[in-house]
């Protein structure tokens, strides 16, 4: 899984920036309590996959997922 130190650093920076944006600039009430767990980035740094968890029942988690897609 380790692709070297640079992709890991970039992934950590992406996770931190998305967390900052969700906390301070995205004002969608549909986003519930969401925790960004991991960012997986390609070796060429061209694409990233963001993993998250959301607390609540099934409906609340589904609403959070849709709100994150909109954001």
Protein backbone atom coordinates (compact mmCIF):
# COMPACT_ATOMS: atom_id res chain seq x y z
CA UNK A 1 0.00 0.00 0.00
CA UNK A 2 2.86 2.36 0.69
CA UNK A 3 3.69 4.27 -2.48
CA UNK A 4 6.46 6.38 -1.04
CA UNK A 5 6.40 9.36 1.21
CA UNK A 6 5.17 11.99 -1.24
CA UNK A 7 1.80 10.35 -2.09
CA UNK A 8 1.24 9.77 1.62
CA UNK A 9 1.94 13.42 2.42
CA UNK A 10 -0.33 14.59 -0.40
CA UNK A 11 -3.11 12.25 0.79
CA UNK A 12 -2.82 13.61 4.34
CA UNK A 13 -2.95 17.18 3.04
CA UNK A 14 -6.04 16.41 0.92
CA UNK A 15 -7.78 14.84 3.92
CA UNK A 16 -6.98 17.86 6.09
CA UNK A 17 -8.18 20.32 3.45
CA UNK A 18 -11.46 18.48 2.85
CA UNK A 19 -12.05 18.32 6.61
CA UNK A 20 -11.43 22.07 6.86
CA UNK A 21 -13.82 22.78 3.98
CA UNK A 22 -16.55 20.61 5.47
CA UNK A 23 -16.15 22.19 8.87
CA UNK A 24 -15.98 25.83 7.88
CA UNK A 25 -17.25 26.48 4.37
CA UNK A 26 -19.87 23.87 3.50
CA UNK A 27 -23.18 24.85 5.07
CA UNK A 28 -25.35 21.94 3.97
CA UNK A 29 -27.62 20.82 6.83
CA UNK A 30 -27.82 17.35 5.26
CA UNK A 31 -24.24 16.60 6.22
CA UNK A 32 -24.45 14.96 9.60
CA UNK A 33 -21.59 13.89 11.81
CA UNK A 34 -19.00 12.79 9.23
CA UNK A 35 -15.44 11.65 9.89
CA UNK A 36 -12.92 11.46 7.08
CA UNK A 37 -11.04 8.24 7.69
CA UNK A 38 -8.60 7.93 4.81
CA UNK A 39 -7.58 9.27 1.44
CA UNK A 40 -6.16 6.83 -1.08
CA UNK A 41 -4.22 8.48 -3.88
CA UNK A 42 -2.87 7.06 -7.13
CA UNK A 43 0.92 6.80 -7.52
CA UNK A 44 0.88 9.51 -10.21
CA UNK A 45 -1.14 11.84 -7.92
CA UNK A 46 -3.85 12.18 -10.58
CA UNK A 47 -6.81 10.77 -8.65
CA UNK A 48 -7.81 10.36 -5.04
CA UNK A 49 -10.47 8.34 -3.27
CA UNK A 50 -11.85 9.73 -0.01
CA UNK A 51 -13.24 7.36 2.63
CA UNK A 52 -15.52 8.54 5.40
CA UNK A 53 -17.85 7.30 8.10
CA UNK A 54 -21.12 8.87 9.17
CA UNK A 55 -22.93 8.36 12.44
CA UNK A 56 -26.65 7.84 12.73
CA UNK A 57 -29.29 5.49 11.45
CA UNK A 58 -29.43 4.27 7.84
CA UNK A 59 -31.51 7.21 6.65
CA UNK A 60 -29.19 9.77 8.27
CA UNK A 61 -26.11 8.10 6.77
CA UNK A 62 -27.72 8.01 3.32
CA UNK A 63 -28.64 11.69 3.60
CA UNK A 64 -25.07 12.51 4.60
CA UNK A 65 -23.73 10.64 1.58
CA UNK A 66 -26.03 12.51 -0.80
CA UNK A 67 -25.13 15.84 0.84
CA UNK A 68 -21.42 15.09 0.44
CA UNK A 69 -21.99 14.29 -3.24
CA UNK A 70 -23.69 17.67 -3.66
CA UNK A 71 -20.92 19.49 -1.83
